[in-house]
Amino acid sequence: MFAGDRRHRERVRVSLDACWEGLTAQCGGLVVDLSEMGCFILTSDRVVSRETVRLELRPAWGGRVYVWGEVVYQVAEMGFALRFVHDGEDVTPLTRLIERLRDGRFAEAVA
């Protein structure tokens, strides 16, 4: 693994509003760590292991970033971990969001 690759996969501690939608529920939550590979969401745990979830990330400066993921595990009455499933999607908006959160750049909107 190259050093540049590792940086993009490191988790960033965040407090990021989000909404998610699964097979049986949709709910708001708070993403508390984030990487290009996945995240952990503090929310109701009305999900099932391996369920596909659509996540909408809502940075405080505006804009929205949408990603699909698979539930890896859940913690009762706390939240769940999501592994992103990119399937050839453009991950540029997610990458830009993570870089801005990591670097503390909040002035510009995410494209």
Protein backbone atom coordinates (compact mmCIF):
# COMPACT_ATOMS: atom_id res chain seq x y z
CA MET A 1 0.00 0.00 0.00
CA PHE A 2 1.36 3.41 -0.94
CA ALA A 3 1.45 6.23 1.61
CA GLY A 4 -0.96 8.24 -0.55
CA ASP A 5 -3.41 5.32 -0.62
CA ARG A 6 -3.30 4.98 3.16
CA ARG A 7 -4.18 8.63 3.74
CA HIS A 8 -7.34 8.27 1.70
CA ARG A 9 -8.42 5.24 3.71
CA GLU A 10 -7.74 6.59 7.19
CA ARG A 11 -10.83 7.34 9.19
CA VAL A 12 -11.52 10.94 10.09
CA ARG A 13 -13.34 11.74 13.35
CA VAL A 14 -16.31 13.92 12.38
CA SER A 15 -19.70 15.13 13.53
CA LEU A 16 -21.62 15.12 10.27
CA ASP A 17 -25.40 15.19 9.88
CA ALA A 18 -26.75 12.42 7.66
CA CYS A 19 -29.91 10.69 6.53
CA TRP A 20 -30.04 7.05 5.54
CA GLU A 21 -32.59 4.82 3.87
CA GLY A 22 -32.65 1.05 4.00
CA LEU A 23 -35.14 -1.68 3.13
CA THR A 24 -37.43 -1.16 6.11
CA ALA A 25 -36.58 2.25 7.53
CA GLN A 26 -35.25 5.69 6.88
CA CYS A 27 -33.84 7.88 9.58
CA GLY A 28 -31.50 10.72 10.43
CA GLY A 29 -28.23 10.21 12.18
CA LEU A 30 -24.78 11.53 12.94
CA VAL A 31 -21.67 10.19 11.19
CA VAL A 32 -18.87 10.09 13.77
CA ASP A 33 -16.06 8.62 11.69
CA LEU A 34 -15.61 8.54 7.95
CA SER A 35 -13.24 7.20 5.29
CA GLU A 36 -13.49 6.42 1.59
CA MET A 37 -14.20 2.83 2.63
CA GLY A 38 -17.01 3.41 5.13
CA CYS A 39 -18.33 5.12 8.24
CA PHE A 40 -20.09 4.69 11.59
CA ILE A 41 -23.50 6.31 12.07
CA LEU A 42 -25.04 7.12 15.44
CA THR A 43 -28.73 6.41 14.85
CA SER A 44 -31.47 3.91 15.52
CA ASP A 45 -30.30 0.43 14.68
CA ARG A 46 -33.25 -0.55 12.52
CA VAL A 47 -31.03 -2.23 9.96
CA VAL A 48 -30.06 -5.80 9.18
CA SER A 49 -26.52 -7.07 8.69
CA ARG A 50 -25.51 -6.93 4.99
CA GLU A 51 -28.46 -4.67 4.16
CA THR A 52 -27.84 -2.10 1.41
CA VAL A 53 -28.31 1.48 2.60
CA ARG A 54 -28.32 4.80 0.75
CA LEU A 55 -26.57 7.47 2.83
CA GLU A 56 -26.91 11.22 2.38
CA LEU A 57 -24.09 13.19 4.04
CA ARG A 58 -24.95 16.79 4.93
CA PRO A 59 -21.92 18.97 5.64
CA ALA A 60 -22.56 22.12 7.70
CA TRP A 61 -21.41 24.38 4.83
CA GLY A 62 -24.15 23.03 2.52
CA GLY A 63 -24.39 20.61 -0.33
CA ARG A 64 -25.05 16.88 -0.19
CA VAL A 65 -22.92 13.81 -0.85
CA TYR A 66 -24.68 10.52 -1.60
CA VAL A 67 -23.13 7.06 -1.19
CA TRP A 68 -24.37 3.47 -1.10
CA GLY A 69 -23.13 1.03 1.48
CA GLU A 70 -23.60 -2.32 3.12
CA VAL A 71 -24.24 -2.70 6.85
CA VAL A 72 -21.22 -4.42 8.37
CA TYR A 73 -22.38 -4.56 11.99
CA GLN A 74 -24.69 -2.78 14.37
CA VAL A 75 -24.55 -1.80 18.02
CA ALA A 76 -27.93 -2.05 19.77
CA GLU A 77 -29.54 1.32 20.45
CA MET A 78 -26.43 3.13 19.22
CA GLY A 79 -25.90 2.83 15.47
CA PHE A 80 -24.20 0.85 12.74
CA ALA A 81 -21.09 0.59 10.59
CA LEU A 82 -21.40 0.95 6.84
CA ARG A 83 -18.91 -0.24 4.19
CA PHE A 84 -19.30 1.84 1.04
CA VAL A 85 -20.11 0.05 -2.20
CA HIS A 86 -18.81 2.20 -5.04
CA ASP A 87 -19.45 -0.10 -8.04
CA GLY A 88 -17.73 2.22 -10.47
CA GLU A 89 -19.51 5.31 -9.09
CA ASP A 90 -17.66 8.61 -9.10
CA VAL A 91 -16.20 8.86 -5.58
CA THR A 92 -14.83 12.37 -6.16
CA PRO A 93 -17.49 14.14 -4.03
CA LEU A 94 -16.81 11.77 -1.11
CA THR A 95 -13.04 12.20 -1.50
CA ARG A 96 -13.38 15.99 -1.55
CA LEU A 97 -15.62 15.95 1.52
CA ILE A 98 -13.15 13.81 3.48
CA GLU A 99 -10.20 15.99 2.46
CA ARG A 100 -12.02 19.15 3.54
CA LEU A 101 -13.02 17.62 6.87
CA ARG A 102 -9.47 16.34 7.46
CA ASP A 103 -7.85 19.65 6.51
CA GLY A 104 -10.42 21.87 8.23
CA ARG A 105 -11.43 23.64 5.00
CA PHE A 106 -15.07 24.61 5.36
CA ALA A 107 -15.40 27.76 3.25
CA GLU A 108 -16.21 26.22 -0.14
CA ALA A 109 -19.20 24.10 -1.11
CA VAL A 110 -18.63 20.48 -2.12
CA ALA A 111 -19.15 20.00 -5.86
